[in-house]
Amino acid sequence: MKLQPALIFGEGMVLQRDKEIKIWGTAINNDTVTVKLNDQCASTIAEKGYWSITLDPEKACNKTSLEISSQ
């Protein structure tokens, strides 16, 4: 499996403010997946091809950047 966020995540998506943010998807087994959102950065290891990361709540904003990478 290649790195792929769940289909719910994409350009123009809306995240709920002031709530934990859960990001998940698929990747090559044992790859390290890193998620960056604004000033937050978290990593996890894909197990059986799946990964999930929970980020801290964010305040409301108009523009943000979500980056997901693996190695």
PDB file of N, CA and C in Angstrom:
ATOM      1  N   MET A   1       0.837  -1.189   0.000  1.00  0.00           N
ATOM      2  CA  MET A   1       0.000   0.000   0.000  1.00  0.00           C
ATOM      3  C   MET A   1       0.875   1.244   0.000  1.00  0.00           C
ATOM      4  N   LYS A   2       0.515   2.204  -0.783  1.00  0.00           N
ATOM      5  CA  LYS A   2       1.236   3.479  -0.756  1.00  0.00           C
ATOM      6  C   LYS A   2       0.596   4.395   0.282  1.00  0.00           C
ATOM      7  N   LEU A   3       1.297   5.472   0.607  1.00  0.00           N
ATOM      8  CA  LEU A   3       0.767   6.435   1.570  1.00  0.00           C
ATOM      9  C   LEU A   3      -0.495   7.071   1.013  1.00  0.00           C
ATOM     10  N   GLN A   4      -1.564   7.000   1.792  1.00  0.00           N
ATOM     11  CA  GLN A   4      -2.853   7.545   1.356  1.00  0.00           C
ATOM     12  C   GLN A   4      -3.665   7.939   2.584  1.00  0.00           C
ATOM     13  N   PRO A   5      -4.017   9.227   2.723  1.00  0.00           N
ATOM     14  CA  PRO A   5      -4.941   9.583   3.803  1.00  0.00           C
ATOM     15  C   PRO A   5      -6.329   9.049   3.470  1.00  0.00           C
ATOM     16  N   ALA A   6      -7.169   8.915   4.472  1.00  0.00           N
ATOM     17  CA  ALA A   6      -8.555   8.512   4.232  1.00  0.00           C
ATOM     18  C   ALA A   6      -9.193   9.501   3.261  1.00  0.00           C
ATOM     19  N   LEU A   7     -10.145   9.044   2.474  1.00  0.00           N
ATOM     20  CA  LEU A   7     -10.762   9.861   1.432  1.00  0.00           C
ATOM     21  C   LEU A   7     -11.460  11.109   1.972  1.00  0.00           C
ATOM     22  N   ILE A   8     -11.788  11.122   3.239  1.00  0.00           N
ATOM     23  CA  ILE A   8     -12.445  12.285   3.843  1.00  0.00           C
ATOM     24  C   ILE A   8     -11.529  13.506   3.867  1.00  0.00           C
ATOM     25  N   PHE A   9     -10.204  13.291   3.792  1.00  0.00           N
ATOM     26  CA  PHE A   9      -9.233  14.383   3.847  1.00  0.00           C
ATOM     27  C   PHE A   9      -8.860  14.828   2.440  1.00  0.00           C
ATOM     28  N   GLY A  10      -9.024  16.113   2.169  1.00  0.00           N
ATOM     29  CA  GLY A  10      -8.690  16.639   0.853  1.00  0.00           C
ATOM     30  C   GLY A  10      -8.747  18.153   0.831  1.00  0.00           C
ATOM     31  N   GLU A  11      -8.473  18.707  -0.320  1.00  0.00           N
ATOM     32  CA  GLU A  11      -8.476  20.155  -0.472  1.00  0.00           C
ATOM     33  C   GLU A  11      -9.864  20.711  -0.177  1.00  0.00           C
ATOM     34  N   GLY A  12      -9.909  21.786   0.583  1.00  0.00           N
ATOM     35  CA  GLY A  12     -11.178  22.423   0.911  1.00  0.00           C
ATOM     36  C   GLY A  12     -11.903  21.787   2.087  1.00  0.00           C
ATOM     37  N   MET A  13     -11.271  20.808   2.739  1.00  0.00           N
ATOM     38  CA  MET A  13     -11.940  20.158   3.871  1.00  0.00           C
ATOM     39  C   MET A  13     -12.077  21.131   5.034  1.00  0.00           C
ATOM     40  N   VAL A  14     -12.986  20.837   5.924  1.00  0.00           N
ATOM     41  CA  VAL A  14     -13.223  21.666   7.096  1.00  0.00           C
ATOM     42  C   VAL A  14     -12.998  20.797   8.325  1.00  0.00           C
ATOM     43  N   LEU A  15     -12.181  21.310   9.255  1.00  0.00           N
ATOM     44  CA  LEU A  15     -11.931  20.613  10.510  1.00  0.00           C
ATOM     45  C   LEU A  15     -12.669  21.337  11.622  1.00  0.00           C
ATOM     46  N   GLN A  16     -13.166  20.589  12.600  1.00  0.00           N
ATOM     47  CA  GLN A  16     -13.881  21.214  13.708  1.00  0.00           C
ATOM     48  C   GLN A  16     -12.885  21.895  14.641  1.00  0.00           C
ATOM     49  N   ARG A  17     -13.155  23.125  14.981  1.00  0.00           N
ATOM     50  CA  ARG A  17     -12.258  23.865  15.872  1.00  0.00           C
ATOM     51  C   ARG A  17     -12.439  23.412  17.315  1.00  0.00           C
ATOM     52  N   ASP A  18     -11.382  23.598  18.093  1.00  0.00           N
ATOM     53  CA  ASP A  18     -11.383  23.323  19.529  1.00  0.00           C
ATOM     54  C   ASP A  18     -11.682  21.864  19.882  1.00  0.00           C
ATOM     55  N   LYS A  19     -11.441  20.953  18.954  1.00  0.00           N
ATOM     56  CA  LYS A  19     -11.595  19.506  19.197  1.00  0.00           C
ATOM     57  C   LYS A  19     -10.333  18.813  18.711  1.00  0.00           C
ATOM     58  N   GLU A  20      -9.974  17.697  19.348  1.00  0.00           N
ATOM     59  CA  GLU A  20      -8.833  16.926  18.851  1.00  0.00           C
ATOM     60  C   GLU A  20      -9.060  16.585  17.387  1.00  0.00           C
ATOM     61  N   ILE A  21      -7.959  16.540  16.626  1.00  0.00           N
ATOM     62  CA  ILE A  21      -8.045  16.284  15.193  1.00  0.00           C
ATOM     63  C   ILE A  21      -7.420  14.926  14.898  1.00  0.00           C
ATOM     64  N   LYS A  22      -8.231  13.979  14.446  1.00  0.00           N
ATOM     65  CA  LYS A  22      -7.734  12.642  14.133  1.00  0.00           C
ATOM     66  C   LYS A  22      -7.551  12.531  12.621  1.00  0.00           C
ATOM     67  N   ILE A  23      -6.334  12.167  12.211  1.00  0.00           N
ATOM     68  CA  ILE A  23      -5.993  11.973  10.803  1.00  0.00           C
ATOM     69  C   ILE A  23      -5.585  10.512  10.654  1.00  0.00           C
ATOM     70  N   TRP A  24      -6.080   9.825   9.610  1.00  0.00           N
ATOM     71  CA  TRP A  24      -5.748   8.416   9.432  1.00  0.00           C
ATOM     72  C   TRP A  24      -5.688   8.055   7.962  1.00  0.00           C
ATOM     73  N   GLY A  25      -5.177   6.851   7.699  1.00  0.00           N
ATOM     74  CA  GLY A  25      -5.081   6.389   6.327  1.00  0.00           C
ATOM     75  C   GLY A  25      -4.291   5.101   6.223  1.00  0.00           C
ATOM     76  N   THR A  26      -3.709   4.865   5.043  1.00  0.00           N
ATOM     77  CA  THR A  26      -2.937   3.657   4.788  1.00  0.00           C
ATOM     78  C   THR A  26      -1.522   4.025   4.357  1.00  0.00           C
ATOM     79  N   ALA A  27      -0.611   3.082   4.523  1.00  0.00           N
ATOM     80  CA  ALA A  27       0.790   3.275   4.126  1.00  0.00           C
ATOM     81  C   ALA A  27       1.454   1.908   4.064  1.00  0.00           C
ATOM     82  N   ILE A  28       2.662   1.869   3.556  1.00  0.00           N
ATOM     83  CA  ILE A  28       3.435   0.627   3.551  1.00  0.00           C
ATOM     84  C   ILE A  28       3.689   0.227   4.992  1.00  0.00           C
ATOM     85  N   ASN A  29       3.508  -1.050   5.294  1.00  0.00           N
ATOM     86  CA  ASN A  29       3.698  -1.561   6.646  1.00  0.00           C
ATOM     87  C   ASN A  29       5.067  -1.156   7.191  1.00  0.00           C
ATOM     88  N   ASN A  30       5.098  -0.692   8.424  1.00  0.00           N
ATOM     89  CA  ASN A  30       6.292  -0.262   9.154  1.00  0.00           C
ATOM     90  C   ASN A  30       6.889   1.061   8.683  1.00  0.00           C
ATOM     91  N   ASP A  31       6.273   1.752   7.733  1.00  0.00           N
ATOM     92  CA  ASP A  31       6.732   3.094   7.357  1.00  0.00           C
ATOM     93  C   ASP A  31       6.425   4.063   8.499  1.00  0.00           C
ATOM     94  N   THR A  32       7.271   5.072   8.646  1.00  0.00           N
ATOM     95  CA  THR A  32       7.004   6.151   9.588  1.00  0.00           C
ATOM     96  C   THR A  32       6.189   7.209   8.858  1.00  0.00           C
ATOM     97  N   VAL A  33       5.008   7.505   9.373  1.00  0.00           N
ATOM     98  CA  VAL A  33       4.116   8.508   8.780  1.00  0.00           C
ATOM     99  C   VAL A  33       4.168   9.758   9.655  1.00  0.00           C
ATOM    100  N   THR A  34       4.375  10.905   9.018  1.00  0.00           N
ATOM    101  CA  THR A  34       4.444  12.182   9.719  1.00  0.00           C
ATOM    102  C   THR A  34       3.340  13.103   9.211  1.00  0.00           C
ATOM    103  N   VAL A  35       2.647  13.723  10.147  1.00  0.00           N
ATOM    104  CA  VAL A  35       1.575  14.665   9.824  1.00  0.00           C
ATOM    105  C   VAL A  35       1.945  16.029  10.405  1.00  0.00           C
ATOM    106  N   LYS A  36       1.867  17.071   9.574  1.00  0.00           N
ATOM    107  CA  LYS A  36       2.126  18.445  10.009  1.00  0.00           C
ATOM    108  C   LYS A  36       0.877  19.272   9.737  1.00  0.00           C
ATOM    109  N   LEU A  37       0.427  19.968  10.752  1.00  0.00           N
ATOM    110  CA  LEU A  37      -0.723  20.867  10.628  1.00  0.00           C
ATOM    111  C   LEU A  37      -0.378  22.137  11.389  1.00  0.00           C
ATOM    112  N   ASN A  38      -0.262  23.240  10.670  1.00  0.00           N
ATOM    113  CA  ASN A  38       0.166  24.508  11.270  1.00  0.00           C
ATOM    114  C   ASN A  38       1.472  24.288  12.011  1.00  0.00           C
ATOM    115  N   ASP A  39       1.515  24.540  13.326  1.00  0.00           N
ATOM    116  CA  ASP A  39       2.747  24.383  14.097  1.00  0.00           C
ATOM    117  C   ASP A  39       2.881  22.995  14.734  1.00  0.00           C
ATOM    118  N   GLN A  40       1.924  22.136  14.503  1.00  0.00           N
ATOM    119  CA  GLN A  40       1.964  20.800  15.097  1.00  0.00           C
ATOM    120  C   GLN A  40       2.625  19.801  14.154  1.00  0.00           C
ATOM    121  N   CYS A  41       3.324  18.839  14.752  1.00  0.00           N
ATOM    122  CA  CYS A  41       3.949  17.773  13.981  1.00  0.00           C
ATOM    123  C   CYS A  41       3.909  16.508  14.831  1.00  0.00           C
ATOM    124  N   ALA A  42       3.446  15.397  14.244  1.00  0.00           N
ATOM    125  CA  ALA A  42       3.386  14.124  14.963  1.00  0.00           C
ATOM    126  C   ALA A  42       3.705  12.997  13.995  1.00  0.00           C
ATOM    127  N   SER A  43       4.289  11.920  14.529  1.00  0.00           N
ATOM    128  CA  SER A  43       4.656  10.761  13.711  1.00  0.00           C
ATOM    129  C   SER A  43       4.158   9.479  14.353  1.00  0.00           C
ATOM    130  N   THR A  44       3.987   8.471  13.518  1.00  0.00           N
ATOM    131  CA  THR A  44       3.583   7.144  13.984  1.00  0.00           C
ATOM    132  C   THR A  44       4.114   6.113  12.997  1.00  0.00           C
ATOM    133  N   ILE A  45       4.043   4.860  13.359  1.00  0.00           N
ATOM    134  CA  ILE A  45       4.460   3.757  12.492  1.00  0.00           C
ATOM    135  C   ILE A  45       3.211   3.076  11.942  1.00  0.00           C
ATOM    136  N   ALA A  46       3.177   2.836  10.638  1.00  0.00           N
ATOM    137  CA  ALA A  46       2.052   2.117  10.026  1.00  0.00           C
ATOM    138  C   ALA A  46       2.113   0.653  10.451  1.00  0.00           C
ATOM    139  N   GLU A  47       1.026   0.166  10.999  1.00  0.00           N
ATOM    140  CA  GLU A  47       0.927  -1.231  11.419  1.00  0.00           C
ATOM    141  C   GLU A  47      -0.110  -1.933  10.552  1.00  0.00           C
ATOM    142  N   LYS A  48       0.316  -3.019   9.942  1.00  0.00           N
ATOM    143  CA  LYS A  48      -0.553  -3.784   9.034  1.00  0.00           C
ATOM    144  C   LYS A  48      -1.104  -2.883   7.935  1.00  0.00           C
ATOM    145  N   GLY A  49      -0.327  -1.841   7.574  1.00  0.00           N
ATOM    146  CA  GLY A  49      -0.706  -0.958   6.481  1.00  0.00           C
ATOM    147  C   GLY A  49      -1.597   0.209   6.864  1.00  0.00           C
ATOM    148  N   TYR A  50      -1.923   0.341   8.141  1.00  0.00           N
ATOM    149  CA  TYR A  50      -2.817   1.423   8.588  1.00  0.00           C
ATOM    150  C   TYR A  50      -2.118   2.308   9.609  1.00  0.00           C
ATOM    151  N   TRP A  51      -2.479   3.578   9.620  1.00  0.00           N
ATOM    152  CA  TRP A  51      -1.922   4.517  10.580  1.00  0.00           C
ATOM    153  C   TRP A  51      -2.992   5.501  11.032  1.00  0.00           C
ATOM    154  N   SER A  52      -2.760   6.105  12.205  1.00  0.00           N
ATOM    155  CA  SER A  52      -3.682   7.084  12.766  1.00  0.00           C
ATOM    156  C   SER A  52      -2.893   8.008  13.688  1.00  0.00           C
ATOM    157  N   ILE A  53      -3.158   9.292  13.603  1.00  0.00           N
ATOM    158  CA  ILE A  53      -2.508  10.290  14.443  1.00  0.00           C
ATOM    159  C   ILE A  53      -3.573  11.248  14.962  1.00  0.00           C
ATOM    160  N   THR A  54      -3.480  11.590  16.243  1.00  0.00           N
ATOM    161  CA  THR A  54      -4.392  12.566  16.831  1.00  0.00           C
ATOM    162  C   THR A  54      -3.599  13.811  17.194  1.00  0.00           C
ATOM    163  N   LEU A  55      -4.050  14.944  16.689  1.00  0.00           N
ATOM    164  CA  LEU A  55      -3.407  16.231  16.945  1.00  0.00           C
ATOM    165  C   LEU A  55      -4.230  17.026  17.954  1.00  0.00           C
ATOM    166  N   ASP A  56      -3.581  17.985  18.593  1.00  0.00           N
ATOM    167  CA  ASP A  56      -4.263  18.856  19.550  1.00  0.00           C
ATOM    168  C   ASP A  56      -5.303  19.723  18.839  1.00  0.00           C
ATOM    169  N   PRO A  57      -6.282  20.222  19.587  1.00  0.00           N
ATOM    170  CA  PRO A  57      -7.285  21.113  18.993  1.00  0.00           C
ATOM    171  C   PRO A  57      -6.645  22.363  18.395  1.00  0.00           C
ATOM    172  N   GLU A  58      -7.282  22.917  17.393  1.00  0.00           N
ATOM    173  CA  GLU A  58      -6.841  24.158  16.734  1.00  0.00           C
ATOM    174  C   GLU A  58      -7.952  25.196  16.858  1.00  0.00           C
ATOM    175  N   LYS A  59      -7.544  26.452  16.872  1.00  0.00           N
ATOM    176  CA  LYS A  59      -8.512  27.551  16.847  1.00  0.00           C
ATOM    177  C   LYS A  59      -9.031  27.725  15.420  1.00  0.00           C
ATOM    178  N   ALA A  60     -10.097  28.471  15.254  1.00  0.00           N
ATOM    179  CA  ALA A  60     -10.653  28.747  13.933  1.00  0.00           C
ATOM    180  C   ALA A  60      -9.660  29.568  13.111  1.00  0.00           C
ATOM    181  N   CYS A  61      -9.551  29.253  11.826  1.00  0.00           N
ATOM    182  CA  CYS A  61      -8.699  30.016  10.915  1.00  0.00           C
ATOM    183  C   CYS A  61      -9.200  29.812   9.493  1.00  0.00           C
ATOM    184  N   ASN A  62      -8.813  30.695   8.593  1.00  0.00           N
ATOM    185  CA  ASN A  62      -9.269  30.619   7.204  1.00  0.00           C
ATOM    186  C   ASN A  62      -8.363  29.768   6.333  1.00  0.00           C
ATOM    187  N   LYS A  63      -7.074  29.831   6.573  1.00  0.00           N
ATOM    188  CA  LYS A  63      -6.129  29.090   5.722  1.00  0.00           C
ATOM    189  C   LYS A  63      -5.179  28.295   6.581  1.00  0.00           C
ATOM    190  N   THR A  64      -4.939  27.075   6.187  1.00  0.00           N
ATOM    191  CA  THR A  64      -4.022  26.213   6.906  1.00  0.00           C
ATOM    192  C   THR A  64      -3.409  25.222   5.925  1.00  0.00           C
ATOM    193  N   SER A  65      -2.404  24.530   6.364  1.00  0.00           N
ATOM    194  CA  SER A  65      -1.731  23.555   5.511  1.00  0.00           C
ATOM    195  C   SER A  65      -1.589  22.239   6.258  1.00  0.00           C
ATOM    196  N   LEU A  66      -1.990  21.158   5.628  1.00  0.00           N
ATOM    197  CA  LEU A  66      -1.860  19.818   6.182  1.00  0.00           C
ATOM    198  C   LEU A  66      -0.888  19.057   5.279  1.00  0.00           C
ATOM    199  N   GLU A  67       0.207  18.593   5.852  1.00  0.00           N
ATOM    200  CA  GLU A  67       1.186  17.816   5.101  1.00  0.00           C
ATOM    201  C   GLU A  67       1.278  16.426   5.700  1.00  0.00           C
ATOM    202  N   ILE A  68       1.247  15.411   4.832  1.00  0.00           N
ATOM    203  CA  ILE A  68       1.373  14.023   5.275  1.00  0.00           C
ATOM    204  C   ILE A  68       2.486  13.396   4.442  1.00  0.00           C
ATOM    205  N   SER A  69       3.459  12.799   5.134  1.00  0.00           N
ATOM    206  CA  SER A  69       4.585  12.174   4.433  1.00  0.00           C
ATOM    207  C   SER A  69       4.947  10.862   5.121  1.00  0.00           C
ATOM    208  N   SER A  70       5.717  10.035   4.402  1.00  0.00           N
ATOM    209  CA  SER A  70       6.172   8.768   4.988  1.00  0.00           C
ATOM    210  C   SER A  70       7.577   8.458   4.499  1.00  0.00           C
ATOM    211  N   GLN A  71       8.258   7.623   5.279  1.00  0.00           N
ATOM    212  CA  GLN A  71       9.569   7.139   4.891  1.00  0.00           C
ATOM    213  C   GLN A  71       9.837   5.793   5.508  1.00  0.00           C
TER     214      GLN A  71
END
